[in-house]
Amino acid sequence: MSWLSKVRNSLSSLAKRDTPDNLWMKCPSCSQMLFAKDFEANLSVCPHCQHHGRIGAKARFDLLLDAGYIVLPTPKVPENPLSFRDTKKYSDRLKAARAGNPYPDALTNALGTIEGMKAVLGVQDFKFMGGSMGMAVGEAFVAGIERAMAEKCGYVICTAAGGARMQEGILSLMQMPKTTVATRRLAAAGLPYIVILTDPTTGGVTASYAMLGDVQIAEPGALIGFAGQRVIQDTIREKLPDGFQRAEYLYDHGMVDMVVHRKDLKGTLAMLLGYLERKDVA
């Protein structure tokens, strides 16, 4: 074996041993190769095309709330109330989802301030079973509303969901009217309800609390809709326009109030909470 071959083998072995598998990533929008740490430092936004990547609940709390926020307990609900099983038991799927998530279900609330404005912030995490809406999500949403009413402050929700959780059947669908009633109670108390639509927000979540905010904000490029594009296209037998169900399309057609870059969300929320705050309870 020549000295050059020995050097090549040594370098190859060194690279395989010392290079982490997740050092680089490809942007799903523009396909540019990105240094993973730089991508995370940029709020998981591609510096080339501004594609907004999906982030979890902990990252959302750190991004939007001032230091010192308190994560609120997730209400307890019956697990696997329908004794559902497909290729796995529903309870086993929940255990697997919790093993890779810091919080016990898809929606978690935290109490804190946003640039000094008190608020309860709820965050749906798409990594937890697609952010699907089951009994735990419905209970957490209502608990967040009730805590906001007790604190006399606004409730902000970051939505991200593939729809209702099929393993809970009709019980998951009943969360739609339940959460809708909760938003009406918050409105009757004169407290603001602000929705941040993130990618993706679809199905029963879109058909209920995701589209009931006093102000509807969307992150750039977020997929927002009820039924999937293919279902709609096959139903109406027409080609859908470019950008259909994306945040910018919905903004142009009056479905959302503003599209806000992730780096500007915190300041925008503080401004809106200041405008909508009840002066008699401040």
C-alpha atoms as a PDB file:
ATOM      1  CA  MET A   1       0.000   0.000   0.000  1.00  0.00           C
ATOM      2  CA  SER A   2       1.416   3.401  -1.015  1.00  0.00           C
ATOM      3  CA  TRP A   3       1.893   6.215   1.524  1.00  0.00           C
ATOM      4  CA  LEU A   4      -0.884   8.188  -0.219  1.00  0.00           C
ATOM      5  CA  SER A   5      -3.377   5.364   0.277  1.00  0.00           C
ATOM      6  CA  LYS A   6      -2.416   5.129   3.952  1.00  0.00           C
ATOM      7  CA  VAL A   7      -3.023   8.862   4.432  1.00  0.00           C
ATOM      8  CA  ARG A   8      -6.399   8.645   2.680  1.00  0.00           C
ATOM      9  CA  ASN A   9      -7.482   5.708   4.824  1.00  0.00           C
ATOM     10  CA  SER A  10      -6.381   7.506   7.992  1.00  0.00           C
ATOM     11  CA  LEU A  11      -8.278  10.672   7.064  1.00  0.00           C
ATOM     12  CA  SER A  12     -11.360   8.664   6.112  1.00  0.00           C
ATOM     13  CA  SER A  13     -11.278   6.798   9.409  1.00  0.00           C
ATOM     14  CA  LEU A  14     -10.787  10.043  11.349  1.00  0.00           C
ATOM     15  CA  ALA A  15     -13.687  11.752   9.576  1.00  0.00           C
ATOM     16  CA  LYS A  16     -16.031   8.854  10.254  1.00  0.00           C
ATOM     17  CA  ARG A  17     -15.050   8.724  13.909  1.00  0.00           C
ATOM     18  CA  ASP A  18     -15.058  12.459  14.770  1.00  0.00           C
ATOM     19  CA  THR A  19     -17.732  14.017  12.542  1.00  0.00           C
ATOM     20  CA  PRO A  20     -21.245  14.080  14.075  1.00  0.00           C
ATOM     21  CA  ASP A  21     -24.084  12.878  11.856  1.00  0.00           C
ATOM     22  CA  ASN A  22     -26.127  16.036  12.511  1.00  0.00           C
ATOM     23  CA  LEU A  23     -23.392  18.608  11.829  1.00  0.00           C
ATOM     24  CA  TRP A  24     -25.017  19.731   8.558  1.00  0.00           C
ATOM     25  CA  MET A  25     -28.572  19.866   7.285  1.00  0.00           C
ATOM     26  CA  LYS A  26     -30.271  20.656   4.006  1.00  0.00           C
ATOM     27  CA  CYS A  27     -32.906  23.391   3.897  1.00  0.00           C
ATOM     28  CA  PRO A  28     -36.181  21.698   2.856  1.00  0.00           C
ATOM     29  CA  SER A  29     -37.129  24.747   0.792  1.00  0.00           C
ATOM     30  CA  CYS A  30     -34.030  25.913  -1.113  1.00  0.00           C
ATOM     31  CA  SER A  31     -31.844  22.787  -0.575  1.00  0.00           C
ATOM     32  CA  GLN A  32     -28.885  24.855   0.641  1.00  0.00           C
ATOM     33  CA  MET A  33     -26.560  23.024   3.024  1.00  0.00           C
ATOM     34  CA  LEU A  34     -26.630  24.700   6.436  1.00  0.00           C
ATOM     35  CA  PHE A  35     -24.450  24.326   9.493  1.00  0.00           C
ATOM     36  CA  ALA A  36     -26.949  22.955  12.026  1.00  0.00           C
ATOM     37  CA  LYS A  37     -25.766  25.127  14.923  1.00  0.00           C
ATOM     38  CA  ASP A  38     -25.990  28.280  12.787  1.00  0.00           C
ATOM     39  CA  PHE A  39     -29.514  27.290  11.724  1.00  0.00           C
ATOM     40  CA  GLU A  40     -30.604  26.874  15.350  1.00  0.00           C
ATOM     41  CA  ALA A  41     -28.926  30.143  16.339  1.00  0.00           C
ATOM     42  CA  ASN A  42     -30.935  31.839  13.579  1.00  0.00           C
ATOM     43  CA  LEU A  43     -34.196  30.679  15.249  1.00  0.00           C
ATOM     44  CA  SER A  44     -34.393  27.698  12.847  1.00  0.00           C
ATOM     45  CA  VAL A  45     -34.867  30.056   9.906  1.00  0.00           C
ATOM     46  CA  CYS A  46     -32.868  29.496   6.707  1.00  0.00           C
ATOM     47  CA  PRO A  47     -30.591  32.531   6.116  1.00  0.00           C
ATOM     48  CA  HIS A  48     -30.830  32.041   2.343  1.00  0.00           C
ATOM     49  CA  CYS A  49     -34.570  31.687   1.639  1.00  0.00           C
ATOM     50  CA  GLN A  50     -36.073  32.564   5.071  1.00  0.00           C
ATOM     51  CA  HIS A  51     -37.815  29.186   5.315  1.00  0.00           C
ATOM     52  CA  HIS A  52     -39.176  28.840   8.861  1.00  0.00           C
ATOM     53  CA  GLY A  53     -38.390  25.400  10.256  1.00  0.00           C
ATOM     54  CA  ARG A  54     -40.555  23.724  12.877  1.00  0.00           C
ATOM     55  CA  ILE A  55     -39.517  24.228  16.493  1.00  0.00           C
ATOM     56  CA  GLY A  56     -40.688  22.628  19.727  1.00  0.00           C
ATOM     57  CA  ALA A  57     -42.535  23.987  22.746  1.00  0.00           C
ATOM     58  CA  LYS A  58     -39.404  24.694  24.825  1.00  0.00           C
ATOM     59  CA  ALA A  59     -37.860  26.714  21.988  1.00  0.00           C
ATOM     60  CA  ARG A  60     -41.131  28.664  21.577  1.00  0.00           C
ATOM     61  CA  PHE A  61     -41.273  29.509  25.269  1.00  0.00           C
ATOM     62  CA  ASP A  62     -37.655  30.697  25.239  1.00  0.00           C
ATOM     63  CA  LEU A  63     -38.268  32.726  22.079  1.00  0.00           C
ATOM     64  CA  LEU A  64     -41.474  34.498  23.088  1.00  0.00           C
ATOM     65  CA  LEU A  65     -41.435  34.756  26.887  1.00  0.00           C
ATOM     66  CA  ASP A  66     -39.131  36.794  29.106  1.00  0.00           C
ATOM     67  CA  ALA A  67     -36.786  34.923  31.420  1.00  0.00           C
ATOM     68  CA  GLY A  68     -38.398  33.454  34.525  1.00  0.00           C
ATOM     69  CA  TYR A  69     -41.570  32.030  32.973  1.00  0.00           C
ATOM     70  CA  ILE A  70     -43.371  29.150  34.685  1.00  0.00           C
ATOM     71  CA  VAL A  71     -44.460  26.041  32.766  1.00  0.00           C
ATOM     72  CA  LEU A  72     -47.973  25.166  33.923  1.00  0.00           C
ATOM     73  CA  PRO A  73     -48.960  21.562  34.732  1.00  0.00           C
ATOM     74  CA  THR A  74     -50.769  19.639  32.021  1.00  0.00           C
ATOM     75  CA  PRO A  75     -54.229  18.457  33.184  1.00  0.00           C
ATOM     76  CA  LYS A  76     -54.669  14.718  33.664  1.00  0.00           C
ATOM     77  CA  VAL A  77     -57.115  12.954  31.343  1.00  0.00           C
ATOM     78  CA  PRO A  78     -58.025   9.276  30.833  1.00  0.00           C
ATOM     79  CA  GLU A  79     -55.481   7.574  28.602  1.00  0.00           C
ATOM     80  CA  ASN A  80     -56.716   5.348  25.798  1.00  0.00           C
ATOM     81  CA  PRO A  81     -60.398   5.878  26.747  1.00  0.00           C
ATOM     82  CA  LEU A  82     -61.562   3.815  23.753  1.00  0.00           C
ATOM     83  CA  SER A  83     -58.986   1.010  24.259  1.00  0.00           C
ATOM     84  CA  PHE A  84     -57.781   1.824  20.744  1.00  0.00           C
ATOM     85  CA  ARG A  85     -55.209  -0.346  19.041  1.00  0.00           C
ATOM     86  CA  ASP A  86     -53.869  -0.474  15.493  1.00  0.00           C
ATOM     87  CA  THR A  87     -50.426  -1.969  14.922  1.00  0.00           C
ATOM     88  CA  LYS A  88     -49.651  -0.761  18.452  1.00  0.00           C
ATOM     89  CA  LYS A  89     -51.633   0.117  21.543  1.00  0.00           C
ATOM     90  CA  TYR A  90     -52.480   3.815  21.751  1.00  0.00           C
ATOM     91  CA  SER A  91     -50.975   3.876  25.257  1.00  0.00           C
ATOM     92  CA  ASP A  92     -47.681   2.572  23.813  1.00  0.00           C
ATOM     93  CA  ARG A  93     -47.713   5.320  21.175  1.00  0.00           C
ATOM     94  CA  LEU A  94     -48.177   7.898  23.932  1.00  0.00           C
ATOM     95  CA  LYS A  95     -45.229   6.459  25.862  1.00  0.00           C
ATOM     96  CA  ALA A  96     -43.044   6.613  22.764  1.00  0.00           C
ATOM     97  CA  ALA A  97     -44.065  10.221  22.081  1.00  0.00           C
ATOM     98  CA  ARG A  98     -43.310  11.230  25.676  1.00  0.00           C
ATOM     99  CA  ALA A  99     -39.916   9.583  25.565  1.00  0.00           C
ATOM    100  CA  GLY A 100     -38.820  12.082  22.931  1.00  0.00           C
ATOM    101  CA  ASN A 101     -40.582  15.157  24.336  1.00  0.00           C
ATOM    102  CA  PRO A 102     -40.035  17.228  27.503  1.00  0.00           C
ATOM    103  CA  TYR A 103     -43.797  17.681  28.027  1.00  0.00           C
ATOM    104  CA  PRO A 104     -46.539  15.056  28.499  1.00  0.00           C
ATOM    105  CA  ASP A 105     -48.733  15.922  25.496  1.00  0.00           C
ATOM    106  CA  ALA A 106     -49.004  18.062  22.380  1.00  0.00           C
ATOM    107  CA  LEU A 107     -50.138  21.307  24.085  1.00  0.00           C
ATOM    108  CA  THR A 108     -48.289  22.938  26.970  1.00  0.00           C
ATOM    109  CA  ASN A 109     -48.950  26.281  28.689  1.00  0.00           C
ATOM    110  CA  ALA A 110     -46.595  28.674  30.428  1.00  0.00           C
ATOM    111  CA  LEU A 111     -47.225  31.811  32.469  1.00  0.00           C
ATOM    112  CA  GLY A 112     -44.861  34.715  32.055  1.00  0.00           C
ATOM    113  CA  THR A 113     -44.355  38.091  30.441  1.00  0.00           C
ATOM    114  CA  ILE A 114     -43.731  39.166  26.855  1.00  0.00           C
ATOM    115  CA  GLU A 115     -41.567  42.281  26.998  1.00  0.00           C
ATOM    116  CA  GLY A 116     -43.165  43.003  30.354  1.00  0.00           C
ATOM    117  CA  MET A 117     -46.761  42.246  29.307  1.00  0.00           C
ATOM    118  CA  LYS A 118     -48.243  39.401  31.363  1.00  0.00           C
ATOM    119  CA  ALA A 119     -49.645  36.524  29.312  1.00  0.00           C
ATOM    120  CA  VAL A 120     -50.345  32.816  29.294  1.00  0.00           C
ATOM    121  CA  LEU A 121     -48.699  31.203  26.278  1.00  0.00           C
ATOM    122  CA  GLY A 122     -49.832  27.846  24.906  1.00  0.00           C
ATOM    123  CA  VAL A 123     -47.688  25.955  22.410  1.00  0.00           C
ATOM    124  CA  GLN A 124     -48.590  22.937  20.313  1.00  0.00           C
ATOM    125  CA  ASP A 125     -45.627  20.757  19.415  1.00  0.00           C
ATOM    126  CA  PHE A 126     -45.931  19.024  16.052  1.00  0.00           C
ATOM    127  CA  LYS A 127     -43.301  16.483  17.116  1.00  0.00           C
ATOM    128  CA  PHE A 128     -45.750  15.056  19.644  1.00  0.00           C
ATOM    129  CA  MET A 129     -47.980  12.834  17.484  1.00  0.00           C
ATOM    130  CA  GLY A 130     -48.309  15.546  14.860  1.00  0.00           C
ATOM    131  CA  GLY A 131     -49.618  18.044  17.420  1.00  0.00           C
ATOM    132  CA  SER A 132     -52.916  16.183  17.187  1.00  0.00           C
ATOM    133  CA  MET A 133     -55.897  17.375  19.210  1.00  0.00           C
ATOM    134  CA  GLY A 134     -57.105  14.869  21.779  1.00  0.00           C
ATOM    135  CA  MET A 135     -58.630  15.178  25.226  1.00  0.00           C
ATOM    136  CA  ALA A 136     -55.323  16.285  26.758  1.00  0.00           C
ATOM    137  CA  VAL A 137     -54.980  19.123  24.244  1.00  0.00           C
ATOM    138  CA  GLY A 138     -58.567  20.253  24.836  1.00  0.00           C
ATOM    139  CA  GLU A 139     -58.118  20.192  28.619  1.00  0.00           C
ATOM    140  CA  ALA A 140     -54.788  22.029  28.390  1.00  0.00           C
ATOM    141  CA  PHE A 141     -56.330  24.706  26.160  1.00  0.00           C
ATOM    142  CA  VAL A 142     -59.218  25.278  28.575  1.00  0.00           C
ATOM    143  CA  ALA A 143     -56.806  25.294  31.539  1.00  0.00           C
ATOM    144  CA  GLY A 144     -54.709  27.936  29.769  1.00  0.00           C
ATOM    145  CA  ILE A 145     -57.792  30.091  29.178  1.00  0.00           C
ATOM    146  CA  GLU A 146     -58.878  29.713  32.810  1.00  0.00           C
ATOM    147  CA  ARG A 147     -55.414  30.654  34.086  1.00  0.00           C
ATOM    148  CA  ALA A 148     -55.404  33.737  31.830  1.00  0.00           C
ATOM    149  CA  MET A 149     -58.785  34.749  33.260  1.00  0.00           C
ATOM    150  CA  ALA A 150     -57.516  34.223  36.811  1.00  0.00           C
ATOM    151  CA  GLU A 151     -54.410  36.299  36.060  1.00  0.00           C
ATOM    152  CA  LYS A 152     -56.511  38.869  34.138  1.00  0.00           C
ATOM    153  CA  CYS A 153     -54.201  38.705  31.144  1.00  0.00           C
ATOM    154  CA  GLY A 154     -54.293  37.610  27.521  1.00  0.00           C
ATOM    155  CA  TYR A 155     -53.975  34.088  26.172  1.00  0.00           C
ATOM    156  CA  VAL A 156     -51.631  33.460  23.237  1.00  0.00           C
ATOM    157  CA  ILE A 157     -51.625  30.130  21.409  1.00  0.00           C
ATOM    158  CA  CYS A 158     -49.061  28.859  18.886  1.00  0.00           C
ATOM    159  CA  THR A 159     -50.874  26.253  16.822  1.00  0.00           C
ATOM    160  CA  ALA A 160     -49.252  23.356  14.976  1.00  0.00           C
ATOM    161  CA  ALA A 161     -51.371  20.300  14.248  1.00  0.00           C
ATOM    162  CA  GLY A 162     -52.354  17.698  11.737  1.00  0.00           C
ATOM    163  CA  GLY A 163     -55.919  17.704  13.107  1.00  0.00           C
ATOM    164  CA  ALA A 164     -57.870  15.620  15.599  1.00  0.00           C
ATOM    165  CA  ARG A 165     -56.299  12.517  17.200  1.00  0.00           C
ATOM    166  CA  MET A 166     -57.918   9.547  15.524  1.00  0.00           C
ATOM    167  CA  GLN A 167     -57.155   7.190  18.430  1.00  0.00           C
ATOM    168  CA  GLU A 168     -59.709   9.075  20.541  1.00  0.00           C
ATOM    169  CA  GLY A 169     -62.472   9.123  17.940  1.00  0.00           C
ATOM    170  CA  ILE A 170     -65.508  11.264  18.779  1.00  0.00           C
ATOM    171  CA  LEU A 171     -63.857  12.339  22.052  1.00  0.00           C
ATOM    172  CA  SER A 172     -61.192  14.192  20.075  1.00  0.00           C
ATOM    173  CA  LEU A 173     -63.817  15.875  17.877  1.00  0.00           C
ATOM    174  CA  MET A 174     -65.668  17.089  20.972  1.00  0.00           C
ATOM    175  CA  GLN A 175     -62.650  19.239  21.795  1.00  0.00           C
ATOM    176  CA  MET A 176     -63.674  21.547  18.944  1.00  0.00           C
ATOM    177  CA  PRO A 177     -66.841  22.924  20.592  1.00  0.00           C
ATOM    178  CA  LYS A 178     -65.206  22.712  24.024  1.00  0.00           C
ATOM    179  CA  THR A 179     -62.295  24.962  23.063  1.00  0.00           C
ATOM    180  CA  THR A 180     -64.588  27.271  21.095  1.00  0.00           C
ATOM    181  CA  VAL A 181     -66.703  27.874  24.208  1.00  0.00           C
ATOM    182  CA  ALA A 182     -63.519  28.624  26.174  1.00  0.00           C
ATOM    183  CA  THR A 183     -62.540  31.369  23.719  1.00  0.00           C
ATOM    184  CA  ARG A 184     -66.006  32.928  24.121  1.00  0.00           C
ATOM    185  CA  ARG A 185     -65.558  32.966  27.901  1.00  0.00           C
ATOM    186  CA  LEU A 186     -62.237  34.771  27.496  1.00  0.00           C
ATOM    187  CA  ALA A 187     -63.876  37.304  25.175  1.00  0.00           C
ATOM    188  CA  ALA A 188     -66.718  37.850  27.673  1.00  0.00           C
ATOM    189  CA  ALA A 189     -64.069  38.650  30.299  1.00  0.00           C
ATOM    190  CA  GLY A 190     -62.696  41.317  27.968  1.00  0.00           C
ATOM    191  CA  LEU A 191     -59.283  39.635  27.673  1.00  0.00           C
ATOM    192  CA  PRO A 192     -57.315  39.251  24.439  1.00  0.00           C
ATOM    193  CA  TYR A 193     -56.911  35.986  22.559  1.00  0.00           C
ATOM    194  CA  ILE A 194     -54.093  35.968  20.003  1.00  0.00           C
ATOM    195  CA  VAL A 195     -53.323  33.083  17.654  1.00  0.00           C
ATOM    196  CA  ILE A 196     -49.954  32.412  16.020  1.00  0.00           C
ATOM    197  CA  LEU A 197     -50.452  29.961  13.157  1.00  0.00           C
ATOM    198  CA  THR A 198     -47.314  27.925  12.532  1.00  0.00           C
ATOM    199  CA  ASP A 199     -46.484  25.204  10.036  1.00  0.00           C
ATOM    200  CA  PRO A 200     -48.635  23.157   9.743  1.00  0.00           C
ATOM    201  CA  THR A 201     -52.027  24.061  11.218  1.00  0.00           C
ATOM    202  CA  THR A 202     -54.724  21.854   9.699  1.00  0.00           C
ATOM    203  CA  GLY A 203     -57.853  19.799  10.342  1.00  0.00           C
ATOM    204  CA  GLY A 204     -60.061  20.211  13.395  1.00  0.00           C
ATOM    205  CA  VAL A 205     -57.661  22.654  15.042  1.00  0.00           C
ATOM    206  CA  THR A 206     -58.107  25.031  12.112  1.00  0.00           C
ATOM    207  CA  ALA A 207     -61.868  24.440  12.273  1.00  0.00           C
ATOM    208  CA  SER A 208     -61.984  25.551  15.920  1.00  0.00           C
ATOM    209  CA  TYR A 209     -59.704  27.611  18.132  1.00  0.00           C
ATOM    210  CA  ALA A 210     -56.971  28.286  15.559  1.00  0.00           C
ATOM    211  CA  MET A 211     -59.179  30.672  13.569  1.00  0.00           C
ATOM    212  CA  LEU A 212     -61.003  32.406  16.435  1.00  0.00           C
ATOM    213  CA  GLY A 213     -58.364  34.852  17.620  1.00  0.00           C
ATOM    214  CA  ASP A 214     -58.909  38.549  18.137  1.00  0.00           C
ATOM    215  CA  VAL A 215     -55.766  38.811  16.025  1.00  0.00           C
ATOM    216  CA  GLN A 216     -54.558  36.081  13.655  1.00  0.00           C
ATOM    217  CA  ILE A 217     -50.795  36.013  13.063  1.00  0.00           C
ATOM    218  CA  ALA A 218     -49.060  33.551  10.749  1.00  0.00           C
ATOM    219  CA  GLU A 219     -45.410  32.675  10.345  1.00  0.00           C
ATOM    220  CA  PRO A 220     -44.087  33.027   6.775  1.00  0.00           C
ATOM    221  CA  GLY A 221     -44.784  30.038   4.553  1.00  0.00           C
ATOM    222  CA  ALA A 222     -46.912  28.220   7.141  1.00  0.00           C
ATOM    223  CA  LEU A 223     -49.364  25.658   5.757  1.00  0.00           C
ATOM    224  CA  ILE A 224     -52.827  26.547   7.097  1.00  0.00           C
ATOM    225  CA  GLY A 225     -56.039  24.810   6.071  1.00  0.00           C
ATOM    226  CA  PHE A 226     -58.729  22.297   6.912  1.00  0.00           C
ATOM    227  CA  ALA A 227     -58.671  19.569   4.250  1.00  0.00           C
ATOM    228  CA  GLY A 228     -55.560  18.662   2.278  1.00  0.00           C
ATOM    229  CA  GLN A 229     -54.908  20.240  -1.093  1.00  0.00           C
ATOM    230  CA  ARG A 230     -55.265  16.948  -2.957  1.00  0.00           C
ATOM    231  CA  VAL A 231     -58.670  16.304  -1.357  1.00  0.00           C
ATOM    232  CA  ILE A 232     -59.889  19.781  -2.294  1.00  0.00           C
ATOM    233  CA  GLN A 233     -58.538  19.529  -5.824  1.00  0.00           C
ATOM    234  CA  ASP A 234     -60.157  16.137  -6.397  1.00  0.00           C
ATOM    235  CA  THR A 235     -63.466  17.425  -4.975  1.00  0.00           C
ATOM    236  CA  ILE A 236     -63.775  20.627  -7.010  1.00  0.00           C
ATOM    237  CA  ARG A 237     -61.932  19.148 -10.014  1.00  0.00           C
ATOM    238  CA  GLU A 238     -59.919  22.303 -10.541  1.00  0.00           C
ATOM    239  CA  LYS A 239     -56.233  23.121 -10.246  1.00  0.00           C
ATOM    240  CA  LEU A 240     -55.546  25.131  -7.122  1.00  0.00           C
ATOM    241  CA  PRO A 241     -53.619  28.426  -7.380  1.00  0.00           C
ATOM    242  CA  ASP A 242     -49.935  28.657  -6.497  1.00  0.00           C
ATOM    243  CA  GLY A 243     -49.322  29.149  -2.797  1.00  0.00           C
ATOM    244  CA  PHE A 244     -52.798  27.950  -1.881  1.00  0.00           C
ATOM    245  CA  GLN A 245     -53.186  27.427   1.910  1.00  0.00           C
ATOM    246  CA  ARG A 246     -49.895  29.165   2.634  1.00  0.00           C
ATOM    247  CA  ALA A 247     -49.706  32.077   5.067  1.00  0.00           C
ATOM    248  CA  GLU A 248     -49.146  34.723   2.412  1.00  0.00           C
ATOM    249  CA  TYR A 249     -52.106  33.509   0.312  1.00  0.00           C
ATOM    250  CA  LEU A 250     -54.380  33.590   3.352  1.00  0.00           C
ATOM    251  CA  TYR A 251     -53.178  37.081   4.230  1.00  0.00           C
ATOM    252  CA  ASP A 252     -53.914  38.319   0.693  1.00  0.00           C
ATOM    253  CA  HIS A 253     -57.440  36.869   0.969  1.00  0.00           C
ATOM    254  CA  GLY A 254     -58.231  38.249   4.431  1.00  0.00           C
ATOM    255  CA  MET A 255     -57.997  35.012   6.426  1.00  0.00           C
ATOM    256  CA  VAL A 256     -55.134  36.189   8.662  1.00  0.00           C
ATOM    257  CA  ASP A 257     -54.324  39.670   9.924  1.00  0.00           C
ATOM    258  CA  MET A 258     -50.572  39.637   9.517  1.00  0.00           C
ATOM    259  CA  VAL A 259     -47.613  37.486   8.506  1.00  0.00           C
ATOM    260  CA  VAL A 260     -44.724  38.052  10.908  1.00  0.00           C
ATOM    261  CA  HIS A 261     -41.130  36.820  10.731  1.00  0.00           C
ATOM    262  CA  ARG A 262     -40.136  34.708  13.710  1.00  0.00           C
ATOM    263  CA  LYS A 263     -37.567  37.243  14.916  1.00  0.00           C
ATOM    264  CA  ASP A 264     -40.303  39.909  15.110  1.00  0.00           C
ATOM    265  CA  LEU A 265     -42.970  37.827  16.870  1.00  0.00           C
ATOM    266  CA  LYS A 266     -42.125  38.786  20.439  1.00  0.00           C
ATOM    267  CA  GLY A 267     -42.212  42.525  19.776  1.00  0.00           C
ATOM    268  CA  THR A 268     -45.426  42.203  17.786  1.00  0.00           C
ATOM    269  CA  LEU A 269     -47.117  40.248  20.581  1.00  0.00           C
ATOM    270  CA  ALA A 270     -46.063  42.793  23.205  1.00  0.00           C
ATOM    271  CA  MET A 271     -47.473  45.601  21.070  1.00  0.00           C
ATOM    272  CA  LEU A 272     -50.795  43.807  20.529  1.00  0.00           C
ATOM    273  CA  LEU A 273     -51.168  42.848  24.189  1.00  0.00           C
ATOM    274  CA  GLY A 274     -50.582  46.476  25.104  1.00  0.00           C
ATOM    275  CA  TYR A 275     -53.298  47.618  22.689  1.00  0.00           C
ATOM    276  CA  LEU A 276     -55.806  44.967  23.771  1.00  0.00           C
ATOM    277  CA  GLU A 277     -55.154  45.013  27.509  1.00  0.00           C
ATOM    278  CA  ARG A 278     -58.133  45.719  29.768  1.00  0.00           C
ATOM    279  CA  LYS A 279     -57.199  48.974  31.453  1.00  0.00           C
ATOM    280  CA  ASP A 280     -59.641  48.444  34.332  1.00  0.00           C
ATOM    281  CA  VAL A 281     -57.930  45.208  35.410  1.00  0.00           C
ATOM    282  CA  ALA A 282     -54.327  46.076  34.629  1.00  0.00           C
END
